[in-house]
Protein backbone atom coordinates (compact mmCIF):
# COMPACT_ATOMS: atom_id res chain seq x y z
CA UNK A 1 92.68 -74.67 -105.54
CA UNK A 2 95.24 -72.53 -104.32
CA UNK A 3 96.17 -75.06 -101.77
CA UNK A 4 96.08 -77.83 -104.07
CA UNK A 5 98.36 -76.05 -106.45
CA UNK A 6 100.81 -75.04 -103.62
CA UNK A 7 100.95 -78.70 -102.56
CA UNK A 8 101.61 -79.87 -106.19
CA UNK A 9 104.45 -77.35 -106.55
CA UNK A 10 105.95 -78.08 -103.21
CA UNK A 11 106.19 -81.77 -104.37
CA UNK A 12 108.11 -80.32 -107.46
CA UNK A 13 110.41 -78.29 -105.20
CA UNK A 14 111.50 -81.33 -103.33
CA UNK A 15 113.59 -81.97 -106.35
CA UNK A 16 116.95 -80.44 -104.98
CA UNK A 17 118.69 -77.95 -107.16
CA UNK A 18 122.11 -79.48 -107.99
CA UNK A 19 125.27 -77.65 -106.82
CA UNK A 20 126.93 -75.64 -109.46
CA UNK A 21 129.81 -74.53 -107.09
CA UNK A 22 132.50 -75.99 -109.27
CA UNK A 23 131.47 -73.86 -112.24
CA UNK A 24 133.15 -70.54 -112.91
CA UNK A 25 132.02 -67.93 -115.34
CA UNK A 26 135.21 -67.95 -117.60
CA UNK A 27 134.77 -71.69 -117.70
CA UNK A 28 131.28 -71.88 -118.94
CA UNK A 29 130.70 -74.54 -121.53
CA UNK A 30 127.70 -74.94 -123.90
CA UNK A 31 125.06 -77.35 -122.63
CA UNK A 32 125.26 -80.78 -124.21
CA UNK A 33 121.64 -80.69 -125.02
CA UNK A 34 119.65 -77.61 -125.81
CA UNK A 35 118.21 -75.86 -122.82
CA UNK A 36 115.13 -73.80 -123.25
CA UNK A 37 114.33 -70.83 -120.78
CA UNK A 38 111.62 -68.23 -120.60
CA UNK A 39 112.02 -64.79 -119.37
CA UNK A 40 109.04 -62.55 -118.53
CA UNK A 41 108.70 -59.04 -119.99
CA UNK A 42 106.16 -56.44 -119.19
CA UNK A 43 103.62 -55.75 -122.01
CA UNK A 44 102.55 -52.11 -121.21
CA UNK A 45 100.06 -51.86 -124.03
CA UNK A 46 101.90 -48.90 -125.50
CA UNK A 47 101.69 -48.17 -129.18
CA UNK A 48 104.77 -47.47 -131.26
CA UNK A 49 107.06 -50.05 -129.52
CA UNK A 50 108.16 -53.52 -130.97
CA UNK A 51 106.50 -56.86 -130.08
CA UNK A 52 107.86 -57.60 -126.61
CA UNK A 53 108.22 -61.24 -127.34
CA UNK A 54 109.99 -60.99 -130.78
CA UNK A 55 111.84 -58.10 -132.05
CA UNK A 56 115.60 -57.25 -133.00
CA UNK A 57 116.60 -57.20 -129.35
CA UNK A 58 115.20 -60.64 -128.38
CA UNK A 59 117.04 -62.00 -131.53
CA UNK A 60 120.29 -60.23 -130.52
CA UNK A 61 120.13 -61.86 -127.12
CA UNK A 62 119.63 -65.42 -128.82
CA UNK A 63 122.50 -64.74 -131.32
CA UNK A 64 125.06 -63.45 -128.81
CA UNK A 65 124.20 -65.24 -125.61
CA UNK A 66 121.76 -68.37 -126.29
CA UNK A 67 123.52 -69.62 -129.52
CA UNK A 68 127.00 -69.56 -127.76
CA UNK A 69 125.73 -71.77 -124.82
CA UNK A 70 123.17 -73.99 -126.60
CA UNK A 71 120.29 -72.11 -124.73
CA UNK A 72 117.12 -71.14 -126.40
CA UNK A 73 115.87 -67.87 -124.78
CA UNK A 74 112.08 -67.22 -125.05
CA UNK A 75 110.22 -64.26 -123.78
CA UNK A 76 106.65 -64.22 -122.37
CA UNK A 77 104.50 -60.97 -122.20
CA UNK A 78 103.12 -60.12 -118.68
CA UNK A 79 100.45 -57.43 -118.62
CA UNK A 80 101.84 -54.55 -116.52
CA UNK A 81 98.29 -53.72 -115.16
CA UNK A 82 97.57 -57.31 -114.21
CA UNK A 83 100.65 -59.16 -113.19
CA UNK A 84 99.32 -61.49 -110.50
CA UNK A 85 96.49 -62.78 -112.71
CA UNK A 86 98.88 -63.62 -115.47
CA UNK A 87 101.30 -65.36 -113.35
CA UNK A 88 98.50 -67.32 -111.55
CA UNK A 89 97.28 -68.54 -114.99
CA UNK A 90 100.64 -69.68 -115.89
CA UNK A 91 101.01 -71.58 -112.64
CA UNK A 92 97.70 -73.31 -113.07
CA UNK A 93 98.69 -74.54 -116.44
CA UNK A 94 102.20 -75.58 -115.07
CA UNK A 95 103.78 -73.20 -117.51
CA UNK A 96 105.49 -70.61 -115.35
CA UNK A 97 108.49 -68.78 -116.93
CA UNK A 98 111.88 -69.92 -115.76
CA UNK A 99 112.23 -66.65 -114.09
CA UNK A 100 109.63 -64.85 -112.01
CA UNK A 101 110.32 -61.15 -111.17
CA UNK A 102 108.52 -58.06 -109.90
CA UNK A 103 109.35 -54.85 -108.12
CA UNK A 104 106.74 -55.23 -105.28
CA UNK A 105 108.08 -57.38 -102.40
CA UNK A 106 104.51 -58.59 -101.29
CA UNK A 107 103.93 -59.95 -104.80
CA UNK A 108 106.93 -62.07 -104.80
CA UNK A 109 106.48 -63.26 -101.34
CA UNK A 110 102.86 -64.37 -102.35
CA UNK A 111 104.58 -66.39 -105.06
CA UNK A 112 106.76 -68.11 -102.42
CA UNK A 113 103.81 -68.67 -100.23
CA UNK A 114 101.75 -70.21 -103.20
CA UNK A 115 104.59 -72.54 -104.03
CA UNK A 116 105.47 -71.01 -107.38
CA UNK A 117 109.26 -70.58 -106.51
CA UNK A 118 112.29 -72.96 -105.97
CA UNK A 119 114.46 -72.36 -103.24
CA UNK A 120 118.31 -72.57 -103.91
CA UNK A 121 121.80 -72.21 -102.34
CA UNK A 122 123.10 -68.65 -102.71
CA UNK A 123 126.67 -70.15 -102.91
CA UNK A 124 125.52 -71.94 -106.08
CA UNK A 125 124.31 -68.73 -107.61
CA UNK A 126 127.41 -66.96 -106.67
CA UNK A 127 129.61 -69.61 -108.51
CA UNK A 128 127.59 -69.18 -111.74
CA UNK A 129 126.86 -65.39 -111.48
CA UNK A 130 129.93 -63.88 -109.32
CA UNK A 131 129.40 -60.27 -110.71
CA UNK A 132 125.78 -60.30 -109.99
CA UNK A 133 126.23 -61.82 -106.48
CA UNK A 134 129.25 -59.62 -105.60
CA UNK A 135 127.18 -56.50 -106.40
CA UNK A 136 124.30 -57.65 -104.13
CA UNK A 137 127.05 -57.98 -101.30
CA UNK A 138 128.43 -54.43 -101.89
CA UNK A 139 124.86 -53.02 -101.84
CA UNK A 140 123.73 -54.93 -98.68
CA UNK A 141 120.84 -56.65 -100.61
CA UNK A 142 121.20 -60.25 -99.39
CA UNK A 143 119.11 -59.69 -96.41
CA UNK A 144 116.08 -59.28 -98.71
CA UNK A 145 116.73 -62.72 -100.46
CA UNK A 146 115.20 -64.95 -97.66
CA UNK A 147 111.75 -65.84 -96.51
CA UNK A 148 111.30 -68.09 -93.44
CA UNK A 149 115.00 -69.00 -93.55
CA UNK A 150 114.99 -70.25 -97.04
CA UNK A 151 116.62 -68.40 -100.02
CA UNK A 152 114.09 -67.52 -102.77
CA UNK A 153 115.37 -64.55 -104.60
CA UNK A 154 118.31 -62.51 -105.97
CA UNK A 155 118.07 -58.76 -106.06
CA UNK A 156 118.59 -56.37 -109.08
CA UNK A 157 120.37 -53.05 -108.49
CA UNK A 158 118.33 -49.75 -108.02
CA UNK A 159 120.69 -46.69 -108.36
CA UNK A 160 119.32 -43.76 -106.58
CA UNK A 161 116.61 -45.65 -104.99
CA UNK A 162 115.78 -43.11 -102.39
CA UNK A 163 115.95 -40.14 -104.52
CA UNK A 164 114.53 -41.40 -107.86
CA UNK A 165 114.12 -38.76 -110.36
CA UNK A 166 112.72 -40.60 -113.21
CA UNK A 167 108.94 -39.91 -112.83
CA UNK A 168 108.02 -36.25 -113.40
CA UNK A 169 104.77 -34.24 -113.29
CA UNK A 170 104.21 -31.55 -115.81
CA UNK A 171 101.98 -28.60 -115.22
CA UNK A 172 100.66 -25.86 -117.18
CA UNK A 173 102.90 -22.88 -116.27
CA UNK A 174 101.06 -20.73 -118.79
CA UNK A 175 97.76 -21.28 -116.85
CA UNK A 176 99.37 -20.27 -113.63
CA UNK A 177 100.73 -17.18 -115.18
CA UNK A 178 97.34 -16.12 -116.33
CA UNK A 179 96.11 -16.30 -112.77
CA UNK A 180 98.94 -14.43 -111.32
CA UNK A 181 101.34 -17.09 -110.10
CA UNK A 182 105.06 -16.88 -110.81
CA UNK A 183 105.79 -20.35 -109.41
CA UNK A 184 104.40 -23.87 -109.35
CA UNK A 185 102.34 -24.65 -106.17
CA UNK A 186 103.91 -27.45 -104.11
CA UNK A 187 101.66 -27.59 -101.09
CA UNK A 188 98.08 -28.91 -100.94
CA UNK A 189 96.37 -25.85 -99.88
CA UNK A 190 98.06 -23.74 -102.53
CA UNK A 191 97.22 -26.34 -105.16
CA UNK A 192 93.61 -26.35 -104.26
CA UNK A 193 93.50 -22.53 -104.39
CA UNK A 194 95.10 -22.52 -107.81
CA UNK A 195 92.84 -24.98 -109.33
CA UNK A 196 89.82 -22.87 -108.18
CA UNK A 197 91.32 -19.80 -109.60
CA UNK A 198 91.90 -21.58 -112.97
CA UNK A 199 88.39 -22.86 -112.96
CA UNK A 200 86.95 -19.39 -111.91
CA UNK A 201 89.02 -17.75 -114.78
CA UNK A 202 87.44 -20.06 -117.31
CA UNK A 203 90.65 -21.60 -118.39
CA UNK A 204 89.70 -25.16 -117.68
CA UNK A 205 86.30 -26.48 -116.38
CA UNK A 206 87.94 -29.38 -114.27
CA UNK A 207 91.71 -28.45 -114.10
CA UNK A 208 92.65 -31.07 -111.45
CA UNK A 209 91.51 -33.86 -113.86
CA UNK A 210 91.28 -37.31 -112.08
CA UNK A 211 91.43 -40.89 -112.98
CA UNK A 212 89.81 -44.12 -111.69
CA UNK A 213 91.29 -46.18 -108.85
CA UNK A 214 93.04 -49.24 -110.33
CA UNK A 215 94.28 -51.04 -107.34
CA UNK A 216 97.95 -51.67 -106.16
CA UNK A 217 99.64 -48.29 -105.56
CA UNK A 218 96.36 -46.39 -105.16
CA UNK A 219 96.14 -43.50 -102.66
CA UNK A 220 99.62 -43.33 -101.29
CA UNK A 221 99.47 -41.31 -98.21
CA UNK A 222 102.90 -40.55 -97.26
CA UNK A 223 102.54 -36.69 -97.17
CA UNK A 224 99.45 -37.15 -94.91
CA UNK A 225 101.20 -38.80 -92.07
CA UNK A 226 101.98 -37.22 -88.67
CA UNK A 227 105.50 -36.86 -87.68
CA UNK A 228 107.33 -38.43 -85.82
CA UNK A 229 106.02 -41.57 -87.13
CA UNK A 230 105.01 -44.57 -84.89
CA UNK A 231 107.07 -47.45 -86.08
CA UNK A 232 104.50 -50.09 -85.23
CA UNK A 233 101.82 -48.09 -87.10
CA UNK A 234 104.28 -47.83 -90.06
CA UNK A 235 104.74 -51.69 -89.92
CA UNK A 236 101.05 -52.31 -89.87
CA UNK A 237 99.46 -49.69 -92.25
CA UNK A 238 102.20 -48.24 -94.21
CA UNK A 239 102.39 -50.65 -97.14
CA UNK A 240 100.79 -49.23 -100.26
CA UNK A 241 99.69 -52.62 -102.00
CA UNK A 242 96.58 -52.76 -99.72
CA UNK A 243 95.23 -49.12 -99.15
CA UNK A 244 94.99 -48.26 -95.49
CA UNK A 245 91.30 -47.43 -95.20
CA UNK A 246 90.65 -46.50 -91.57
CA UNK A 247 94.13 -45.10 -90.73
CA UNK A 248 94.23 -41.38 -90.10
CA UNK A 249 96.38 -40.45 -93.10
CA UNK A 250 94.06 -42.27 -95.43
CA UNK A 251 91.15 -40.31 -93.88
CA UNK A 252 92.95 -36.94 -94.38
CA UNK A 253 93.68 -37.91 -97.94
CA UNK A 254 90.09 -38.91 -98.89
CA UNK A 255 88.73 -35.93 -97.00
CA UNK A 256 90.78 -33.78 -99.36
CA UNK A 257 89.49 -35.66 -102.48
CA UNK A 258 85.98 -35.20 -101.26
CA UNK A 259 86.63 -31.49 -101.09
CA UNK A 260 88.15 -31.38 -104.57
CA UNK A 261 85.11 -33.14 -106.02
CA UNK A 262 82.50 -31.05 -104.32
CA UNK A 263 84.52 -27.92 -105.16
CA UNK A 264 84.18 -28.76 -108.92
CA UNK A 265 87.88 -28.72 -109.69
CA UNK A 266 87.96 -32.44 -110.28
CA UNK A 267 86.63 -34.34 -113.21
CA UNK A 268 83.24 -35.50 -111.89
CA UNK A 269 83.47 -38.61 -114.22
CA UNK A 270 87.03 -39.45 -112.93
CA UNK A 271 85.73 -42.93 -112.07
CA UNK A 272 85.36 -43.60 -115.94
CA UNK A 273 88.54 -42.06 -116.79
CA UNK A 274 91.60 -44.33 -117.45
CA UNK A 275 95.29 -43.13 -117.63
CA UNK A 276 95.35 -43.01 -121.22
CA UNK A 277 92.03 -40.86 -121.41
CA UNK A 278 93.73 -38.61 -118.67
CA UNK A 279 96.83 -38.17 -120.95
CA UNK A 280 94.55 -37.41 -123.79
CA UNK A 281 92.82 -34.83 -121.65
CA UNK A 282 96.23 -33.14 -120.79
CA UNK A 283 97.25 -33.15 -124.51
CA UNK A 284 93.94 -31.56 -125.49
CA UNK A 285 94.23 -28.85 -123.01
CA UNK A 286 91.76 -29.81 -120.44
CA UNK A 287 94.05 -30.82 -117.52
CA UNK A 288 96.52 -28.89 -115.52
CA UNK A 289 98.87 -31.72 -114.83
CA UNK A 290 100.05 -35.11 -116.22
CA UNK A 291 102.89 -37.22 -115.00
CA UNK A 292 105.04 -39.81 -116.74
CA UNK A 293 108.67 -41.44 -116.83
CA UNK A 294 111.26 -39.44 -118.42
CA UNK A 295 113.07 -40.85 -121.40
CA UNK A 296 114.97 -39.60 -124.34
CA UNK A 297 111.68 -39.98 -126.37
CA UNK A 298 108.41 -38.75 -124.81
CA UNK A 299 105.80 -39.10 -127.45
CA UNK A 300 102.99 -37.56 -125.23
CA UNK A 301 104.98 -34.49 -124.57
CA UNK A 302 105.54 -34.20 -128.38
CA UNK A 303 101.85 -34.62 -128.88
CA UNK A 304 101.13 -31.85 -126.28
CA UNK A 305 103.20 -29.33 -127.96
CA UNK A 306 101.86 -30.00 -131.45
CA UNK A 307 98.36 -29.57 -129.93
CA UNK A 308 99.16 -26.54 -128.07
CA UNK A 309 101.67 -24.31 -129.83
CA UNK A 310 103.11 -21.68 -127.66
CA UNK A 311 102.05 -23.38 -124.39
CA UNK A 312 104.59 -23.25 -121.52
CA UNK A 313 105.12 -26.25 -119.15
CA UNK A 314 106.98 -26.66 -115.79
CA UNK A 315 107.77 -29.59 -113.79
CA UNK A 316 106.37 -29.79 -110.34
CA UNK A 317 109.20 -28.86 -107.86
CA UNK A 318 110.12 -30.83 -104.72
CA UNK A 319 108.22 -29.92 -101.83
CA UNK A 320 110.15 -29.06 -98.81
CA UNK A 321 107.43 -27.31 -96.86
CA UNK A 322 105.01 -28.41 -94.11
CA UNK A 323 101.60 -27.27 -94.98
CA UNK A 324 99.97 -26.26 -91.65
CA UNK A 325 96.59 -25.56 -93.27
CA UNK A 326 96.08 -29.33 -94.64
CA UNK A 327 98.53 -31.03 -92.32
CA UNK A 328 100.62 -32.39 -95.15
CA UNK A 329 104.44 -32.64 -95.11
CA UNK A 330 107.20 -33.24 -97.60
CA UNK A 331 107.10 -37.05 -96.66
CA UNK A 332 107.46 -39.36 -99.68
CA UNK A 333 107.82 -43.11 -100.32
CA UNK A 334 111.30 -44.31 -101.55
CA UNK A 335 111.67 -47.09 -103.73
CA UNK A 336 112.78 -50.34 -102.33
CA UNK A 337 116.75 -50.71 -102.07
CA UNK A 338 116.48 -53.09 -104.85
CA UNK A 339 115.16 -53.18 -108.42
CA UNK A 340 113.50 -56.51 -109.49
CA UNK A 341 113.26 -59.14 -107.06
CA UNK A 342 114.15 -62.27 -109.12
CA UNK A 343 112.93 -65.84 -108.35
CA UNK A 344 113.04 -69.14 -110.16
CA UNK A 345 110.24 -71.53 -111.13
CA UNK A 346 109.50 -74.47 -108.93
CA UNK A 347 108.81 -76.21 -112.41
CA UNK A 348 112.17 -75.47 -113.90
CA UNK A 349 114.93 -78.11 -114.23
CA UNK A 350 118.32 -77.76 -112.78
CA UNK A 351 119.74 -76.83 -116.18
CA UNK A 352 117.09 -74.27 -116.89
CA UNK A 353 117.89 -72.54 -113.48
CA UNK A 354 121.44 -72.81 -114.24
CA UNK A 355 120.77 -71.23 -117.83
CA UNK A 356 118.84 -68.42 -116.26
CA UNK A 357 121.69 -67.60 -113.86
CA UNK A 358 124.10 -67.59 -116.84
CA UNK A 359 121.65 -65.15 -118.73
CA UNK A 360 121.54 -62.74 -115.74
CA UNK A 361 125.39 -62.85 -115.31
CA UNK A 362 125.81 -62.30 -119.18
CA UNK A 363 123.52 -59.30 -119.06
CA UNK A 364 125.46 -57.79 -116.04
CA UNK A 365 128.67 -57.57 -117.84
CA UNK A 366 129.23 -54.02 -118.84
CA UNK A 367 129.80 -54.61 -122.53
CA UNK A 368 126.65 -56.61 -122.86
CA UNK A 369 124.58 -54.39 -120.67
CA UNK A 370 125.70 -51.14 -122.48
CA UNK A 371 124.56 -52.40 -125.67
CA UNK A 372 121.29 -53.66 -124.46
CA UNK A 373 120.56 -50.21 -122.82
CA UNK A 374 121.93 -47.97 -125.51
CA UNK A 375 121.71 -49.90 -128.84
CA UNK A 376 123.73 -49.50 -131.88
CA UNK A 377 126.22 -46.43 -132.18
CA UNK A 378 125.06 -44.36 -135.24
CA UNK A 379 121.61 -45.74 -134.97
CA UNK A 380 120.25 -45.57 -131.40
CA UNK A 381 122.86 -43.29 -130.05
CA UNK A 382 125.86 -41.19 -130.73
CA UNK A 383 128.76 -40.21 -128.46
CA UNK A 384 129.19 -36.59 -127.53
CA UNK A 385 132.21 -34.50 -127.04
CA UNK A 386 132.93 -36.11 -123.64
CA UNK A 387 132.60 -39.70 -125.02
CA UNK A 388 129.27 -40.20 -123.36
CA UNK A 389 126.41 -41.83 -125.14
CA UNK A 390 123.49 -39.61 -126.33
CA UNK A 391 120.15 -41.31 -127.39
CA UNK A 392 118.70 -40.42 -130.81
CA UNK A 393 115.22 -39.70 -129.48
CA UNK A 394 113.32 -39.99 -132.71
CA UNK A 395 115.02 -43.20 -133.91
CA UNK A 396 112.46 -45.51 -135.61
CA UNK A 397 114.75 -47.96 -137.76
CA UNK A 398 115.39 -51.48 -137.64
CA UNK A 399 117.01 -51.37 -134.26
CA UNK A 400 114.26 -49.85 -132.59
CA UNK A 401 114.32 -50.37 -128.84
CA UNK A 402 111.37 -51.54 -126.47
CA UNK A 403 109.84 -49.34 -123.83
CA UNK A 404 112.27 -46.85 -122.12
CA UNK A 405 115.32 -47.91 -123.97
CA UNK A 406 114.61 -51.66 -123.43
CA UNK A 407 114.13 -51.26 -119.81
CA UNK A 408 111.72 -54.18 -119.32
CA UNK A 409 114.56 -56.61 -120.60
CA UNK A 410 117.55 -55.28 -118.66
CA UNK A 411 115.71 -54.50 -115.48
CA UNK A 412 116.52 -58.09 -114.45
CA UNK A 413 119.95 -56.80 -113.58
CA UNK A 414 119.70 -52.86 -112.99
CA UNK A 415 116.92 -50.41 -112.97
CA UNK A 416 118.52 -47.45 -114.70
CA UNK A 417 121.02 -46.54 -117.33
CA UNK A 418 124.18 -45.05 -115.98
CA UNK A 419 126.90 -43.19 -117.94
CA UNK A 420 128.97 -40.52 -116.35
CA UNK A 421 127.77 -38.17 -113.43
CA UNK A 422 124.14 -37.93 -112.11
CA UNK A 423 123.87 -34.79 -114.33
CA UNK A 424 125.19 -36.73 -117.33
CA UNK A 425 122.72 -39.58 -116.63
CA UNK A 426 119.77 -37.24 -116.41
CA UNK A 427 120.67 -35.33 -119.46
CA UNK A 428 121.06 -38.55 -121.39
CA UNK A 429 117.56 -39.69 -120.18
CA UNK A 430 115.78 -36.53 -121.32
CA UNK A 431 114.22 -35.41 -124.54
CA UNK A 432 116.03 -32.67 -126.15
CA UNK A 433 113.97 -32.18 -129.21
CA UNK A 434 110.98 -30.34 -127.56
CA UNK A 435 110.24 -26.64 -127.62
CA UNK A 436 111.26 -26.60 -123.97
CA UNK A 437 114.25 -28.41 -122.50
CA UNK A 438 113.74 -29.68 -118.84
CA UNK A 439 117.10 -31.09 -118.25
CA UNK A 440 118.33 -28.59 -115.74
CA UNK A 441 114.88 -28.57 -113.98
CA UNK A 442 115.21 -32.34 -113.47
CA UNK A 443 118.79 -32.01 -112.34
CA UNK A 444 117.72 -29.38 -109.79
CA UNK A 445 114.76 -31.53 -108.76
CA UNK A 446 117.17 -34.34 -108.02
CA UNK A 447 119.48 -32.29 -105.82
CA UNK A 448 116.41 -31.03 -104.03
CA UNK A 449 115.14 -34.47 -103.39
CA UNK A 450 118.38 -35.41 -101.76
CA UNK A 451 118.12 -32.33 -99.43
CA UNK A 452 114.60 -33.53 -98.50
CA UNK A 453 115.72 -37.09 -98.02
CA UNK A 454 118.58 -35.85 -95.75
CA UNK A 455 116.20 -33.93 -93.73
CA UNK A 456 114.38 -37.16 -92.80
CA UNK A 457 111.31 -37.10 -94.98
CA UNK A 458 112.12 -40.27 -97.10
CA UNK A 459 109.82 -43.29 -96.02
CA UNK A 460 110.60 -46.84 -96.95
CA UNK A 461 108.01 -49.49 -96.66
CA UNK A 462 108.28 -52.27 -94.12
CA UNK A 463 109.35 -55.62 -95.64
CA UNK A 464 108.81 -58.95 -94.01
CA UNK A 465 111.11 -62.06 -93.88
CA UNK A 466 108.15 -64.38 -93.30
CA UNK A 467 105.17 -65.26 -95.67
CA UNK A 468 102.34 -62.96 -95.16
CA UNK A 469 99.37 -65.32 -95.72
CA UNK A 470 96.57 -62.83 -94.90
CA UNK A 471 97.83 -60.16 -97.21
CA UNK A 472 98.01 -62.84 -100.03
CA UNK A 473 94.40 -64.15 -99.19
CA UNK A 474 92.68 -60.79 -98.85
CA UNK A 475 94.60 -58.40 -101.32
CA UNK A 476 92.19 -58.78 -104.17
CA UNK A 477 89.02 -58.56 -102.22
CA UNK A 478 90.24 -55.48 -100.34
CA UNK A 479 91.41 -53.78 -103.40
CA UNK A 480 88.06 -54.14 -105.01
CA UNK A 481 86.14 -53.01 -101.75
CA UNK A 482 88.44 -49.99 -101.59
CA UNK A 483 87.54 -48.96 -105.05
CA UNK A 484 83.98 -48.95 -104.25
CA UNK A 485 84.27 -47.25 -100.91
CA UNK A 486 86.76 -44.76 -102.15
CA UNK A 487 84.42 -43.54 -104.94
CA UNK A 488 81.49 -43.13 -102.55
CA UNK A 489 83.48 -41.28 -100.17
CA UNK A 490 84.85 -38.95 -102.87
CA UNK A 491 81.32 -38.06 -104.23
CA UNK A 492 79.35 -37.91 -100.97
CA UNK A 493 78.30 -34.66 -99.55
CA UNK A 494 80.89 -33.15 -97.19
CA UNK A 495 78.53 -33.40 -94.19
CA UNK A 496 77.97 -37.13 -94.89
CA UNK A 497 81.79 -38.01 -95.04
CA UNK A 498 82.77 -38.67 -91.56
CA UNK A 499 79.91 -41.03 -90.77
CA UNK A 500 80.32 -42.88 -94.01
CA UNK A 501 84.09 -43.19 -93.63
CA UNK A 502 83.68 -44.76 -90.12
CA UNK A 503 81.16 -47.26 -91.62
CA UNK A 504 83.30 -48.22 -94.55
CA UNK A 505 86.47 -48.59 -92.33
CA UNK A 506 84.66 -51.08 -90.21
CA UNK A 507 83.40 -53.11 -93.05
CA UNK A 508 86.95 -53.00 -94.57
CA UNK A 509 88.33 -54.42 -91.34
CA UNK A 510 85.67 -57.16 -91.42
CA UNK A 511 86.42 -58.12 -95.00
CA UNK A 512 89.95 -59.04 -94.06
CA UNK A 513 91.87 -55.88 -93.37
CA UNK A 514 91.98 -56.63 -89.59
CA UNK A 515 93.75 -60.01 -90.33
CA UNK A 516 96.18 -58.19 -92.60
CA UNK A 517 97.24 -55.66 -90.10
CA UNK A 518 97.26 -58.18 -87.23
CA UNK A 519 99.63 -60.36 -89.11
CA UNK A 520 101.85 -57.39 -89.83
CA UNK A 521 101.86 -56.35 -86.25
CA UNK A 522 102.86 -60.02 -85.27
CA UNK A 523 105.78 -60.02 -87.81
CA UNK A 524 106.93 -56.67 -86.59
CA UNK A 525 106.92 -57.77 -82.81
CA UNK A 526 108.62 -60.93 -83.63
CA UNK A 527 111.50 -59.17 -85.24
CA UNK A 528 110.66 -60.33 -88.86
CA UNK A 529 110.37 -56.91 -90.40
CA UNK A 530 112.76 -54.12 -91.41
CA UNK A 531 112.89 -50.89 -89.26
CA UNK A 532 112.53 -47.24 -89.84
CA UNK A 533 115.76 -45.29 -90.39
CA UNK A 534 114.34 -41.88 -89.59
CA UNK A 535 112.06 -41.03 -86.76
CA UNK A 536 112.02 -37.16 -86.98
CA UNK A 537 112.27 -34.64 -89.94
CA UNK A 538 112.61 -31.01 -90.35
CA UNK A 539 111.36 -28.55 -92.94
CA UNK A 540 113.86 -28.07 -95.84
CA UNK A 541 114.90 -24.53 -97.16
CA UNK A 542 115.49 -25.59 -100.84
CA UNK A 543 116.26 -21.97 -101.59
CA UNK A 544 119.68 -22.72 -100.37
């Protein structure tokens, strides 16, 4: 069915995208006949946010952009937890949105391989969207826009991509103080020791918590890798979309999970525990740690302090230490040097693609982007004494914004709000209405992250300029098999672990992983992959 669909879509793609090179942004004219476009937006299943397809801000786009150029802008909800399935269903119904976009490069290359995407001339895009295009040039992003020599994508901007500070882990500092700690453990061995002490003190039965494995992004093993890294191994196994069962870093990671399970510090029913359940356990005082994206309004932290008056939290500091006992390092995965990778439907007409390019360029203009990111002055934000916007964290009026200040809408052009210095940016994206203010902690965290990156511990995944057919074919089945194997390896007796790991690693290879890593190796050896920037790293003294 996939091949039939790809052939059908390929036939549609034979219709060339007409040249728009004669058009210039100031000379945009309304379309003579109405053009309807559809833009995807994540549905994260979060309570308290407006309907992602129909709210004040979708109407604002229509009134301020769409009506001006005779374009109808529609939005389609894409479940954040099941992106590929939703797009494949839309493709099967020949109802793909005009724009297809995703953060993960392997997903968008899969769409290209399946025939979902139209190819286009980048010069045509530059003529319609010069601001967007020139920014890609300035940030060296054009190299990521082609597959097999054809242009499929444009790339959104991701500020601070290799030192991202937006996700933070919060821990029970009050519990640590009860067991004699004056700091938050950052190494694996000290963390395990602290969890045992918390359990033995009767503070929490299973302080390490734990959640079920859900697929893409599971079990990232960057801190478990041996330095200096072998570049070919990095290209073959380093991707995080398909867990690298059988690779030494994955073995060490799961060996540690097996230890935690058998030591009784981990929730024995983790495999039944979803992310929302884990959050609830943290709020209810059962878990030591929970992590989430920072924003001016963080309802789960508000709920935590309401449920635990007098509790003290801390954020997990950046790790600059090598842990000799467990063999872990400060290694971490950087984000890609781009935000959303944006492609265009093979079913879309020339006018629809042109309208989508106009939409992207219009959103990239500073005055439009500012309003979409910050909202209405006096409602969603106010200016401080330095003339910088400050979000009203508890706003719940008519202009209520979507997830993380409308991020899932304006991510088509940029990945983060920016206003002032990095310190200003962090401050404006932090909640200031909680019993504790973590602004300075996150600022310090960011600068420590820069130091770790400069010391060579930042790891970017390999990206490929050719279609990875084996990865597309086997990703789903390997993900499901990994869930099964991973749970058995976590819960088995320690003396059974090694033999069981070898057995599952071979079965995993036989199920398609061998073809995946062979394909990656061939792409690497043919010069069709990116390369590592850092081959060595040193321990970092963050005290400086």
